Amino acid sequence: MPDFLLARRRGHTALIAALLAVGVSACGGSSGGGGTVNGAGGGDNASSTSDTSASSAARGGTLVVGAEQEPDCADWIAVCAGNIWGSYMMQTTTLPTAFDTREVDGSWTLVPSEVLAGEPEVVVRGGKQTITYEIDPRAVWSDGEPISSADFAYTATQIRDGEGIFDKTGYDQIEKVETPDEKTAVVTMRSTYGPWRALFGGSYSLLPAHLLRGKDRNALMKDGYSFSGGPWKIEKWQKGNSVTLVPNDRYWGAKPKLDKVVFQFIPDTAAAFQALKSGQVQSLYPSPQVDAISQIKNGIPNTRVEVDAATGNLEALWMNNARFPFDSKAVREAVAYAVDREAIVERLYGPLGVEDPAQSFVTPLVGAFAGSDFSRFSADPAKVDEIMEADGWARDGSGIWAKDGRAAEFSIVSLAGNKRRELTEQILQQQLGEAGFKMTIANTTPAELFGKVAPSGDYQLGLWTLIDQYPEPSLSATFSSRSIPTEANGNSGINFMRARIPGVDELLGTVDRSTDQAQRRAASLEADALIAADVPSLPIATVPNVLMTSDSIGGPVSINPSEGPWWNLEEWTRG
């Protein structure tokens, strides 16, 4: 759905009565409750998992899913794999993880996956932390080779020591991985690491050492791969057309009930909805674009619609703190008061019941660790004038702020062709123009934006979505100064804003290292306050997830806020 993957941190927002007005009934709560519509304009309350009569559906058959984006590559630990759609389609379905995100007692949490024989043993001694993973004896790769401790060691070192790695958070704290036997891996951390369950899971998966060690991993994986440690394997990735999955016959867990799943690339929203109506595709996971919301409001016969607002998807304005004019805190603060975020959120997501802007860079997925310090920023023209004038700016003849011969002009970059983003940019252009800022639009492709422009800092203002892929709090990947991509760290990290906020590194380090949940929460809230005070960027909204399925689809269909809509695809059937 959203376009950019971030492995970090993060329940609160509930869908409200406005959903009922569009025929979507809601279940609220911190667990990320969802709503379901049966047919056009239906309306029975539903839980976040919708049982769609799998017992009456026949086994076998082919499911065709309309995919709105094609990933850039399938080397999941590399910078090129920043597009979340690749993870949803291929990574989650084919590669094993140590922990999975599941709903337990109303909250999303990390639980041992089928790869493990049980909960790992964790010991802290001498300031260091060791984690002992016992691997299920049945766990094997699709070629019959055991999933082994060597896979843990290979994956850890590839991420920790590799270049062009998307994010090394946590892995950079690994001192060593020992392999006392084939089914036992012992990971030693340099110090205690609170979110250790996110290792070998979340945005990253285990990789087969026996197939990749000593070879060019990126070359072997980037265009797709034949191996699998999950219920599915990639049969074919036809670039520009589709990705096809077939069952992994050697999977030791529940086998897929479908014979084949085809993800058909349909980037045009109107075409995707028409394909759903005609039966060409049986499922969509559309970004909540304006035209998509309009079609959902009108109702689609024989189609269920589930909406989840308590997600890990954060849309924000990302200011490059190292580039004019956002190298000035005063300008960043003035822009925050110039933007009417309430109006933007109402315009974009109001029909889905999402009306309040995000007030933290911590998403609802781990809302207990989020403050609300950005609530101080609402549209206030007088405040803009006060801040800019105090910093020595004055409006020129065209009404644009200027200082020392330079005007407050800047460009914004986002994804070309994304109608929601383009509408947001148009609204921003008007709001900022009225406040004395001149903004131009310079959108580009996902590969260019997330592979080159953002990591290199070659932009002034950006608009994109960051996605939490596991329910563990950690803003380190985004706001620690150590996460600024540089040659020294192998161009790893996603602090694309080049933010350097005094005191934040230490607090986020506590969130990462401490095993005391109360201490972690207190440090996270304090860091949240410091981030809001420095205004390195501006959160806009938590982007809701929308899953649409034909009535012909059976099984426990639901949205997993971390792993996406096809996290349990092996349980789906088609009648």
Protein backbone atom coordinates (compact mmCIF):
# COMPACT_ATOMS: atom_id res chain seq x y z
CA MET A 1 0.00 0.00 0.00
CA PRO A 2 2.13 2.93 1.13
CA ASP A 3 5.28 3.38 -0.82
CA PHE A 4 8.17 3.40 1.58
CA LEU A 5 9.38 0.86 4.07
CA LEU A 6 10.91 1.78 7.41
CA ALA A 7 11.85 -0.84 9.97
CA ARG A 8 11.58 0.94 13.32
CA ARG A 9 9.06 1.09 16.05
CA ARG A 10 5.33 1.74 17.08
CA GLY A 11 -2.06 1.44 18.86
CA HIS A 12 -4.59 4.17 19.19
CA THR A 13 -6.85 5.78 16.56
CA ALA A 14 -10.29 4.26 16.09
CA LEU A 15 -12.44 4.67 13.02
CA ILE A 16 -15.45 6.78 13.89
CA ALA A 17 -19.00 7.42 12.84
CA ALA A 18 -18.04 8.95 9.52
CA LEU A 19 -17.19 5.44 8.36
CA LEU A 20 -20.79 4.45 8.80
CA ALA A 21 -21.76 7.21 6.42
CA VAL A 22 -19.77 5.49 3.68
CA GLY A 23 -21.00 2.03 4.63
CA VAL A 24 -17.87 0.89 6.48
CA SER A 25 -18.47 -0.30 10.02
CA ALA A 26 -15.66 0.07 12.52
CA CYS A 27 -14.07 -1.61 15.48
CA GLY A 28 -11.82 0.72 17.43
CA GLY A 29 -9.13 0.22 20.00
CA SER A 30 -5.40 0.06 20.41
CA SER A 31 -5.21 -3.25 18.65
CA GLY A 32 -5.71 -1.65 15.27
CA GLY A 33 -9.31 -2.63 14.84
CA GLY A 34 -10.70 -2.79 11.35
CA GLY A 35 -14.05 -2.42 9.68
CA THR A 36 -15.75 -4.54 7.06
CA VAL A 37 -18.33 -3.93 4.40
CA ASN A 38 -20.08 -6.82 2.70
CA GLY A 39 -21.12 -5.81 -0.80
CA ALA A 40 -22.22 -2.33 -1.73
CA GLY A 41 -22.93 -0.13 1.25
CA GLY A 42 -23.15 -3.02 3.74
CA GLY A 43 -22.70 -2.52 7.41
CA ASP A 44 -22.36 -5.28 10.04
CA ASN A 45 -19.71 -4.72 12.67
CA ALA A 46 -16.74 -6.98 12.19
CA SER A 47 -13.56 -7.81 14.00
CA SER A 48 -10.14 -7.04 12.54
CA THR A 49 -10.08 -10.56 11.10
CA SER A 50 -12.92 -11.43 8.75
CA ASP A 51 -13.79 -15.14 8.46
CA THR A 52 -15.04 -15.43 4.92
CA SER A 53 -16.42 -18.95 4.95
CA ALA A 54 -13.28 -20.85 4.08
CA SER A 55 -15.01 -24.12 4.94
CA SER A 56 -17.41 -23.76 2.01
CA ALA A 57 -14.76 -22.73 -0.51
CA ALA A 58 -13.00 -25.24 -2.72
CA ARG A 59 -9.30 -25.87 -2.39
CA GLY A 60 -7.06 -25.02 -5.31
CA GLY A 61 -7.54 -22.38 -7.95
CA THR A 62 -5.74 -19.15 -8.78
CA LEU A 63 -6.06 -15.85 -6.96
CA VAL A 64 -5.26 -12.67 -8.88
CA VAL A 65 -4.40 -9.58 -6.84
CA GLY A 66 -4.22 -6.10 -8.27
CA ALA A 67 -0.89 -4.63 -7.16
CA GLU A 68 -0.59 -0.87 -7.49
CA GLN A 69 3.21 -0.80 -7.35
CA GLU A 70 6.06 -2.91 -8.66
CA PRO A 71 9.08 -3.19 -6.37
CA ASP A 72 12.51 -2.10 -7.52
CA CYS A 73 14.35 -5.16 -6.25
CA ALA A 74 14.00 -8.25 -4.05
CA ASP A 75 17.26 -7.97 -2.11
CA TRP A 76 15.36 -7.18 1.07
CA ILE A 77 18.24 -5.84 3.12
CA ALA A 78 19.45 -3.43 0.43
CA VAL A 79 18.53 0.21 -0.12
CA CYS A 80 16.86 -0.73 -3.40
CA ALA A 81 14.18 -2.69 -1.48
CA GLY A 82 12.59 0.38 0.10
CA ASN A 83 9.26 -0.17 -1.67
CA ILE A 84 6.86 -1.88 0.76
CA TRP A 85 4.95 -3.69 -2.00
CA GLY A 86 7.85 -6.01 -2.60
CA SER A 87 7.85 -7.01 1.04
CA TYR A 88 4.09 -7.63 1.03
CA MET A 89 4.16 -9.73 -2.15
CA MET A 90 7.40 -11.68 -1.96
CA GLN A 91 9.33 -11.29 1.27
CA THR A 92 6.58 -12.04 3.82
CA THR A 93 5.30 -14.96 1.76
CA THR A 94 8.61 -16.67 0.95
CA LEU A 95 11.21 -15.97 3.62
CA PRO A 96 11.24 -17.08 7.27
CA THR A 97 11.56 -14.85 10.31
CA ALA A 98 12.38 -15.58 13.93
CA PHE A 99 9.39 -13.58 15.18
CA ASP A 100 6.03 -12.73 13.65
CA THR A 101 3.66 -9.88 14.47
CA ARG A 102 0.40 -11.24 15.88
CA GLU A 103 -2.51 -9.84 17.87
CA VAL A 104 -2.41 -11.04 21.50
CA ASP A 105 -4.93 -9.86 24.10
CA GLY A 106 -5.95 -6.93 21.94
CA SER A 107 -2.44 -5.67 21.14
CA TRP A 108 -0.01 -6.38 18.36
CA THR A 109 3.10 -8.09 19.62
CA LEU A 110 6.03 -10.17 18.42
CA VAL A 111 5.71 -13.91 18.97
CA PRO A 112 8.07 -16.79 18.05
CA SER A 113 7.52 -17.94 14.48
CA GLU A 114 7.33 -21.49 13.15
CA VAL A 115 11.08 -21.30 12.56
CA LEU A 116 11.76 -21.47 16.28
CA ALA A 117 11.20 -24.36 18.66
CA GLY A 118 10.08 -21.90 21.35
CA GLU A 119 10.85 -18.60 23.08
CA PRO A 120 14.59 -17.82 22.95
CA GLU A 121 16.60 -17.77 26.14
CA VAL A 122 17.91 -14.29 27.01
CA VAL A 123 20.74 -13.79 29.51
CA VAL A 124 22.38 -10.52 30.60
CA ARG A 125 25.83 -10.89 32.10
CA GLY A 126 28.65 -8.40 32.42
CA GLY A 127 26.66 -5.75 30.58
CA LYS A 128 26.27 -7.96 27.53
CA GLN A 129 23.16 -9.75 26.35
CA THR A 130 23.06 -13.19 24.79
CA ILE A 131 20.04 -14.57 22.92
CA THR A 132 19.89 -18.29 22.26
CA TYR A 133 17.62 -19.32 19.40
CA GLU A 134 16.58 -22.98 19.15
CA ILE A 135 15.45 -23.73 15.58
CA ASP A 136 12.60 -26.13 14.90
CA PRO A 137 14.09 -29.42 13.63
CA ARG A 138 11.43 -29.50 10.89
CA ALA A 139 12.35 -26.10 9.45
CA VAL A 140 13.90 -26.47 6.00
CA TRP A 141 14.53 -24.42 2.89
CA SER A 142 12.72 -25.29 -0.32
CA ASP A 143 15.72 -27.33 -1.51
CA GLY A 144 15.46 -29.55 1.58
CA GLU A 145 18.47 -28.07 3.38
CA PRO A 146 17.83 -27.27 7.07
CA ILE A 147 17.21 -23.72 8.18
CA SER A 148 20.20 -23.49 10.45
CA SER A 149 22.26 -21.41 12.83
CA ALA A 150 24.51 -20.59 9.88
CA ASP A 151 21.58 -18.67 8.37
CA PHE A 152 21.34 -16.52 11.51
CA ALA A 153 25.08 -15.82 11.38
CA TYR A 154 25.08 -15.05 7.64
CA THR A 155 22.07 -12.73 7.84
CA ALA A 156 23.43 -10.84 10.84
CA THR A 157 26.85 -10.21 9.33
CA GLN A 158 25.47 -9.26 5.92
CA ILE A 159 23.37 -6.53 7.56
CA ARG A 160 25.92 -5.44 10.15
CA ASP A 161 28.94 -5.34 7.87
CA GLY A 162 27.47 -4.82 4.41
CA GLU A 163 27.37 -1.69 2.29
CA GLY A 164 24.20 -0.19 0.85
CA ILE A 165 22.14 -1.73 3.64
CA PHE A 166 18.74 -0.17 4.14
CA ASP A 167 18.99 0.06 7.94
CA LYS A 168 21.44 -1.47 10.41
CA THR A 169 19.58 -0.55 13.60
CA GLY A 170 20.03 -3.32 16.16
CA TYR A 171 22.34 -5.34 13.96
CA ASP A 172 25.08 -2.80 14.54
CA GLN A 173 24.91 -3.86 18.22
CA ILE A 174 25.64 -7.52 17.46
CA GLU A 175 29.10 -8.52 18.65
CA LYS A 176 29.04 -12.09 17.34
CA VAL A 177 26.83 -15.01 16.35
CA GLU A 178 27.93 -18.46 17.49
CA THR A 179 26.73 -21.71 15.97
CA PRO A 180 27.32 -24.48 18.53
CA ASP A 181 25.20 -26.84 16.46
CA GLU A 182 23.09 -26.76 13.33
CA LYS A 183 19.86 -25.86 15.13
CA THR A 184 21.23 -23.51 17.81
CA ALA A 185 22.27 -19.89 17.22
CA VAL A 186 23.67 -17.75 20.03
CA VAL A 187 23.68 -14.01 19.39
CA THR A 188 25.80 -11.80 21.66
CA MET A 189 24.95 -8.12 21.80
CA ARG A 190 27.58 -5.56 22.78
CA SER A 191 25.15 -4.29 25.43
CA THR A 192 21.54 -4.88 26.36
CA TYR A 193 19.14 -4.33 23.48
CA GLY A 194 15.46 -3.84 24.37
CA PRO A 195 13.78 -4.61 21.02
CA TRP A 196 15.84 -7.77 20.38
CA ARG A 197 12.72 -9.61 19.18
CA ALA A 198 12.79 -7.41 16.08
CA LEU A 199 16.06 -9.02 14.98
CA PHE A 200 15.67 -11.53 12.14
CA GLY A 201 12.10 -10.30 11.67
CA GLY A 202 10.18 -7.12 11.05
CA SER A 203 11.61 -5.69 7.86
CA TYR A 204 14.31 -8.35 7.52
CA SER A 205 14.16 -12.13 7.10
CA LEU A 206 16.56 -15.01 7.41
CA LEU A 207 18.66 -15.69 4.31
CA PRO A 208 20.03 -19.10 3.19
CA ALA A 209 23.75 -19.14 3.94
CA HIS A 210 24.35 -22.34 1.97
CA LEU A 211 23.13 -20.64 -1.22
CA LEU A 212 24.46 -17.10 -0.74
CA ARG A 213 27.66 -17.24 1.31
CA GLY A 214 30.67 -16.10 -0.71
CA LYS A 215 28.51 -14.93 -3.60
CA ASP A 216 27.06 -11.62 -4.76
CA ARG A 217 23.84 -11.60 -2.71
CA ASN A 218 22.40 -8.57 -4.43
CA ALA A 219 22.96 -9.97 -7.91
CA LEU A 220 21.34 -13.28 -6.94
CA MET A 221 18.29 -11.75 -5.24
CA LYS A 222 17.48 -8.37 -6.75
CA ASP A 223 15.44 -9.70 -9.69
CA GLY A 224 13.76 -12.44 -7.68
CA TYR A 225 15.00 -15.77 -6.31
CA SER A 226 13.95 -19.40 -6.46
CA PHE A 227 14.62 -20.43 -2.85
CA SER A 228 12.03 -20.20 -0.08
CA GLY A 229 11.62 -20.82 3.62
CA GLY A 230 7.98 -19.79 3.73
CA PRO A 231 4.71 -21.30 2.53
CA TRP A 232 5.13 -19.84 -0.97
CA LYS A 233 7.92 -19.52 -3.48
CA ILE A 234 8.39 -17.18 -6.42
CA GLU A 235 7.63 -18.94 -9.67
CA LYS A 236 8.20 -15.90 -11.86
CA TRP A 237 8.69 -12.16 -11.64
CA GLN A 238 7.81 -10.81 -15.06
CA LYS A 239 9.09 -7.25 -14.90
CA GLY A 240 6.45 -4.68 -15.73
CA ASN A 241 3.66 -7.24 -15.59
CA SER A 242 3.33 -9.53 -12.57
CA VAL A 243 4.75 -11.66 -9.77
CA THR A 244 3.53 -15.26 -9.52
CA LEU A 245 3.71 -17.37 -6.36
CA VAL A 246 3.22 -21.12 -6.07
CA PRO A 247 3.19 -23.31 -2.94
CA ASN A 248 6.46 -24.38 -1.36
CA ASP A 249 5.93 -28.15 -1.11
CA ARG A 250 8.67 -28.49 1.50
CA TYR A 251 7.15 -25.99 3.93
CA TRP A 252 6.75 -27.69 7.31
CA GLY A 253 3.83 -25.54 8.47
CA ALA A 254 0.33 -25.10 7.05
CA LYS A 255 0.41 -25.61 3.30
CA PRO A 256 -1.29 -23.10 0.95
CA LYS A 257 -4.82 -23.97 -0.13
CA LEU A 258 -4.56 -22.10 -3.42
CA ASP A 259 -2.64 -23.46 -6.39
CA LYS A 260 -1.27 -20.11 -7.47
CA VAL A 261 -1.33 -16.39 -6.63
CA VAL A 262 -0.65 -13.77 -9.27
CA PHE A 263 0.08 -10.17 -8.31
CA GLN A 264 -0.85 -8.22 -11.42
CA PHE A 265 0.71 -4.75 -11.57
CA ILE A 266 -2.08 -2.20 -12.13
CA PRO A 267 -0.75 1.22 -11.09
CA ASP A 268 -3.80 3.11 -12.41
CA THR A 269 -6.45 3.26 -9.67
CA ALA A 270 -9.42 3.47 -12.04
CA ALA A 271 -8.18 0.47 -13.98
CA ALA A 272 -7.60 -1.49 -10.78
CA PHE A 273 -11.15 -0.87 -9.53
CA GLN A 274 -12.58 -1.80 -12.91
CA ALA A 275 -10.57 -5.04 -12.82
CA LEU A 276 -12.05 -5.80 -9.39
CA LYS A 277 -15.60 -5.06 -10.55
CA SER A 278 -15.19 -7.25 -13.64
CA GLY A 279 -13.66 -10.14 -11.69
CA GLN A 280 -10.30 -9.88 -13.44
CA VAL A 281 -8.73 -9.50 -9.99
CA GLN A 282 -10.17 -10.67 -6.68
CA SER A 283 -8.33 -8.42 -4.23
CA LEU A 284 -6.96 -4.89 -4.01
CA TYR A 285 -4.94 -3.09 -1.35
CA PRO A 286 -5.37 0.45 -2.64
CA SER A 287 -3.65 3.50 -1.27
CA PRO A 288 -6.37 5.78 0.07
CA GLN A 289 -6.23 8.05 -2.94
CA VAL A 290 -9.05 10.50 -3.54
CA ASP A 291 -10.48 8.50 -6.45
CA ALA A 292 -10.24 5.23 -4.52
CA ILE A 293 -12.12 6.69 -1.56
CA SER A 294 -14.77 8.00 -3.94
CA GLN A 295 -15.28 4.54 -5.44
CA ILE A 296 -15.46 2.95 -1.98
CA LYS A 297 -18.11 5.49 -0.97
CA ASN A 298 -20.20 4.59 -4.01
CA GLY A 299 -19.99 0.91 -3.14
CA ILE A 300 -18.68 -2.06 -5.13
CA PRO A 301 -21.02 -5.04 -5.49
CA ASN A 302 -19.95 -8.43 -4.11
CA THR A 303 -16.92 -6.90 -2.45
CA ARG A 304 -15.83 -6.67 1.18
CA VAL A 305 -13.96 -3.57 2.29
CA GLU A 306 -11.89 -3.47 5.46
CA VAL A 307 -10.43 -0.22 6.79
CA ASP A 308 -7.84 0.02 9.56
CA ALA A 309 -6.80 3.45 10.81
CA ALA A 310 -4.57 2.31 13.69
CA THR A 311 -1.64 1.56 11.42
CA GLY A 312 2.11 1.92 11.37
CA ASN A 313 2.00 4.19 8.29
CA LEU A 314 3.13 7.75 8.90
CA GLU A 315 2.88 10.40 6.20
CA ALA A 316 5.02 13.43 6.92
CA LEU A 317 6.78 16.45 5.50
CA TRP A 318 10.47 15.64 5.68
CA MET A 319 12.68 18.73 5.88
CA ASN A 320 16.35 18.49 4.98
CA ASN A 321 17.96 20.08 8.01
CA ALA A 322 21.25 20.44 6.14
CA ARG A 323 19.84 22.40 3.19
CA PHE A 324 18.59 25.97 2.89
CA PRO A 325 16.15 27.13 4.11
CA PHE A 326 15.45 24.21 6.46
CA ASP A 327 18.89 24.46 8.02
CA SER A 328 17.20 27.19 10.07
CA LYS A 329 15.09 26.03 13.02
CA ALA A 330 13.12 29.27 12.78
CA VAL A 331 12.09 28.47 9.21
CA ARG A 332 11.15 24.90 10.12
CA GLU A 333 9.03 26.15 13.00
CA ALA A 334 7.38 28.85 10.88
CA VAL A 335 6.51 26.29 8.17
CA ALA A 336 4.96 24.06 10.86
CA TYR A 337 2.67 26.98 11.83
CA ALA A 338 1.96 27.76 8.18
CA VAL A 339 0.61 24.30 7.35
CA ASP A 340 -3.04 23.57 8.18
CA ARG A 341 -2.66 19.87 8.84
CA GLU A 342 -6.26 19.47 10.00
CA ALA A 343 -7.52 20.71 6.65
CA ILE A 344 -5.19 18.38 4.76
CA VAL A 345 -6.23 15.30 6.76
CA GLU A 346 -9.93 16.12 6.44
CA ARG A 347 -9.58 16.61 2.69
CA LEU A 348 -7.63 13.38 2.17
CA TYR A 349 -9.11 10.93 4.67
CA GLY A 350 -12.26 12.49 6.10
CA PRO A 351 -14.61 10.14 4.20
CA LEU A 352 -12.80 7.19 5.84
CA GLY A 353 -13.27 8.65 9.30
CA VAL A 354 -9.69 9.83 9.77
CA GLU A 355 -9.78 13.49 10.79
CA ASP A 356 -6.97 14.16 13.26
CA PRO A 357 -3.38 14.83 12.19
CA ALA A 358 -0.53 12.81 13.64
CA GLN A 359 1.09 14.49 16.63
CA SER A 360 4.16 12.27 16.88
CA PHE A 361 6.58 10.36 14.67
CA VAL A 362 5.65 7.28 16.72
CA THR A 363 2.69 5.60 15.05
CA PRO A 364 -0.38 3.95 16.64
CA LEU A 365 1.23 0.52 16.32
CA VAL A 366 3.17 1.34 19.52
CA GLY A 367 1.12 4.31 20.67
CA ALA A 368 2.03 3.86 24.34
CA PHE A 369 5.48 5.23 23.47
CA ALA A 370 4.15 8.29 21.63
CA GLY A 371 3.78 11.81 22.92
CA SER A 372 1.54 14.50 21.45
CA ASP A 373 4.01 17.37 21.38
CA PHE A 374 3.37 18.34 17.77
CA SER A 375 -0.18 19.32 18.79
CA ARG A 376 1.20 22.81 19.45
CA PHE A 377 1.50 23.32 15.70
CA SER A 378 -1.70 24.41 14.00
CA ALA A 379 -2.29 27.01 11.30
CA ASP A 380 -1.40 30.39 12.79
CA PRO A 381 -0.39 33.17 10.32
CA ALA A 382 0.43 35.60 13.13
CA LYS A 383 2.84 33.10 14.65
CA VAL A 384 4.54 32.64 11.29
CA ASP A 385 5.11 36.39 10.99
CA GLU A 386 6.37 36.61 14.55
CA ILE A 387 8.93 33.83 14.12
CA MET A 388 10.21 34.94 10.73
CA GLU A 389 10.53 38.60 11.67
CA ALA A 390 12.34 37.71 14.90
CA ASP A 391 14.83 35.71 12.82
CA GLY A 392 15.55 38.69 10.55
CA TRP A 393 13.30 37.86 7.60
CA ALA A 394 11.12 40.39 5.77
CA ARG A 395 8.64 40.00 2.94
CA ASP A 396 9.87 41.19 -0.45
CA GLY A 397 7.78 42.90 -3.12
CA SER A 398 6.14 39.62 -4.11
CA GLY A 399 5.22 38.78 -0.54
CA ILE A 400 7.90 36.10 -0.14
CA TRP A 401 10.11 36.06 2.95
CA ALA A 402 13.71 37.06 2.23
CA LYS A 403 16.88 37.38 4.30
CA ASP A 404 20.44 38.31 3.34
CA GLY A 405 19.47 38.40 -0.32
CA ARG A 406 17.95 34.92 -0.35
CA ALA A 407 14.23 34.19 -0.64
CA ALA A 408 12.41 31.47 1.29
CA GLU A 409 12.01 29.33 -1.81
CA PHE A 410 12.26 25.58 -1.93
CA SER A 411 11.10 22.54 -3.86
CA ILE A 412 9.19 19.51 -2.63
CA VAL A 413 9.81 15.99 -3.92
CA SER A 414 7.43 13.05 -3.79
CA LEU A 415 6.20 10.31 -6.13
CA ALA A 416 5.23 11.36 -9.62
CA GLY A 417 1.73 10.23 -10.56
CA ASN A 418 0.57 9.68 -6.99
CA LYS A 419 -2.69 11.63 -6.94
CA ARG A 420 -2.95 11.83 -3.16
CA ARG A 421 0.52 13.28 -2.91
CA GLU A 422 -0.11 15.65 -5.77
CA LEU A 423 -3.28 16.91 -4.10
CA THR A 424 -1.39 17.32 -0.82
CA GLU A 425 1.30 19.30 -2.63
CA GLN A 426 -1.28 21.57 -4.24
CA ILE A 427 -2.83 22.27 -0.84
CA LEU A 428 0.59 22.89 0.67
CA GLN A 429 1.56 25.17 -2.18
CA GLN A 430 -1.44 27.36 -1.48
CA GLN A 431 -1.07 27.33 2.30
CA LEU A 432 2.65 28.06 2.25
CA GLY A 433 2.25 30.69 -0.45
CA GLU A 434 -0.24 32.59 1.69
CA ALA A 435 2.26 32.42 4.57
CA GLY A 436 5.10 33.88 2.48
CA PHE A 437 6.92 30.77 1.25
CA LYS A 438 7.41 29.83 -2.40
CA MET A 439 7.25 26.10 -3.02
CA THR A 440 7.75 24.36 -6.36
CA ILE A 441 7.06 20.70 -7.10
CA ALA A 442 9.75 18.34 -8.40
CA ASN A 443 8.39 14.78 -8.16
CA THR A 444 10.21 11.69 -9.36
CA THR A 445 10.08 7.89 -9.43
CA PRO A 446 10.25 5.67 -6.30
CA ALA A 447 13.61 4.25 -7.41
CA GLU A 448 15.09 7.71 -7.89
CA LEU A 449 13.60 9.15 -4.70
CA PHE A 450 14.42 6.34 -2.28
CA GLY A 451 17.47 4.96 -4.01
CA LYS A 452 19.29 8.23 -4.71
CA VAL A 453 17.64 11.54 -3.82
CA ALA A 454 16.64 10.96 -0.20
CA PRO A 455 19.67 8.88 0.93
CA SER A 456 22.09 11.42 -0.56
CA GLY A 457 20.20 14.39 0.90
CA ASP A 458 19.75 15.93 -2.53
CA TYR A 459 16.40 17.56 -1.73
CA GLN A 460 14.93 20.34 0.40
CA LEU A 461 11.44 19.14 1.36
CA GLY A 462 10.01 15.65 0.89
CA LEU A 463 6.59 14.03 1.19
CA TRP A 464 6.43 10.28 1.74
CA THR A 465 5.26 7.58 4.14
CA LEU A 466 7.38 5.74 6.66
CA ILE A 467 6.08 2.36 7.77
CA ASP A 468 6.65 0.59 11.07
CA GLN A 469 7.06 -3.09 10.38
CA TYR A 470 7.05 -4.41 13.91
CA PRO A 471 5.50 -3.38 17.23
CA GLU A 472 8.67 -2.23 18.95
CA PRO A 473 9.43 1.41 19.74
CA SER A 474 12.56 2.85 18.23
CA LEU A 475 12.97 6.17 16.51
CA SER A 476 16.69 5.56 16.16
CA ALA A 477 16.52 4.63 12.50
CA THR A 478 14.90 7.96 11.71
CA PHE A 479 16.26 10.52 14.14
CA SER A 480 19.54 9.29 15.59
CA SER A 481 22.48 11.18 14.10
CA ARG A 482 24.15 7.80 13.64
CA SER A 483 21.43 6.96 11.10
CA ILE A 484 22.43 9.73 8.69
CA PRO A 485 23.65 7.90 5.56
CA THR A 486 27.37 8.51 5.12
CA GLU A 487 30.35 6.74 3.64
CA ALA A 488 31.48 5.99 7.19
CA ASN A 489 28.41 3.86 7.93
CA GLY A 490 28.14 2.33 4.48
CA ASN A 491 25.38 4.76 3.50
CA SER A 492 23.04 2.96 5.88
CA GLY A 493 20.28 4.58 7.91
CA ILE A 494 17.17 6.55 7.05
CA ASN A 495 17.77 9.85 8.80
CA PHE A 496 17.44 11.43 5.38
CA MET A 497 16.64 14.77 7.04
CA ARG A 498 20.19 14.97 8.42
CA ALA A 499 18.63 15.81 11.81
CA ARG A 500 21.03 16.35 14.70
CA ILE A 501 19.04 17.05 17.85
CA PRO A 502 20.98 17.53 21.13
CA GLY A 503 20.13 14.84 23.67
CA VAL A 504 18.06 12.68 21.32
CA ASP A 505 20.75 10.12 20.50
CA GLU A 506 21.20 9.28 24.18
CA LEU A 507 17.46 8.95 24.84
CA LEU A 508 16.88 6.82 21.77
CA GLY A 509 19.83 4.71 22.85
CA THR A 510 17.99 4.04 26.12
CA VAL A 511 14.87 3.05 24.18
CA ASP A 512 16.98 0.65 22.15
CA ARG A 513 19.09 -0.82 24.94
CA SER A 514 16.96 -0.92 28.07
CA THR A 515 14.98 -4.02 28.95
CA ASP A 516 12.85 -2.03 31.42
CA GLN A 517 9.62 -1.13 29.60
CA ALA A 518 8.84 1.80 31.92
CA GLN A 519 12.31 3.24 31.37
CA ARG A 520 12.01 2.79 27.62
CA ARG A 521 8.63 4.52 27.55
CA ALA A 522 9.88 7.46 29.62
CA ALA A 523 12.90 7.90 27.35
CA SER A 524 10.74 7.67 24.24
CA LEU A 525 8.36 10.35 25.50
CA GLU A 526 11.28 12.63 26.41
CA ALA A 527 12.84 12.11 22.99
CA ASP A 528 9.47 12.82 21.38
CA ALA A 529 9.34 16.17 23.17
CA LEU A 530 12.87 17.12 22.07
CA ILE A 531 12.08 16.19 18.48
CA ALA A 532 8.95 18.35 18.47
CA ALA A 533 10.89 21.26 19.99
CA ASP A 534 13.49 21.10 17.21
CA VAL A 535 10.89 20.55 14.45
CA PRO A 536 13.23 18.57 12.16
CA SER A 537 10.16 17.57 10.13
CA LEU A 538 6.38 17.64 10.47
CA PRO A 539 4.07 14.61 10.87
CA ILE A 540 0.90 14.90 8.80
CA ALA A 541 -1.26 11.80 9.26
CA THR A 542 -1.45 8.13 10.04
CA VAL A 543 -2.42 6.66 6.68
CA PRO A 544 -5.26 4.11 6.94
CA ASN A 545 -5.04 0.68 5.37
CA VAL A 546 -7.80 -0.47 3.00
CA LEU A 547 -8.23 -4.11 1.93
CA MET A 548 -10.80 -5.10 -0.67
CA THR A 549 -11.70 -8.71 -1.48
CA SER A 550 -14.25 -10.39 -3.69
CA ASP A 551 -16.97 -12.45 -2.03
CA SER A 552 -15.45 -15.43 -3.83
CA ILE A 553 -12.45 -15.32 -1.48
CA GLY A 554 -12.59 -17.47 1.64
CA GLY A 555 -10.43 -17.75 4.72
CA PRO A 556 -9.50 -15.47 7.64
CA VAL A 557 -8.91 -12.32 5.59
CA SER A 558 -7.46 -9.43 7.59
CA ILE A 559 -4.88 -6.66 7.63
CA ASN A 560 -1.75 -7.20 9.67
CA PRO A 561 -0.38 -3.67 10.30
CA SER A 562 3.18 -4.96 10.23
CA GLU A 563 3.18 -7.72 7.65
CA GLY A 564 0.48 -6.45 5.31
CA PRO A 565 -2.75 -7.91 3.91
CA TRP A 566 -1.30 -11.21 2.63
CA TRP A 567 0.47 -12.25 5.83
CA ASN A 568 -1.69 -15.42 6.00
CA LEU A 569 -2.18 -15.99 2.29
CA GLU A 570 -1.71 -19.74 2.76
CA GLU A 571 -5.11 -19.79 4.52
CA TRP A 572 -7.00 -18.05 1.71
CA THR A 573 -9.25 -19.98 -0.64
CA ARG A 574 -11.22 -19.17 -3.73
CA GLY A 575 -14.76 -20.45 -4.21
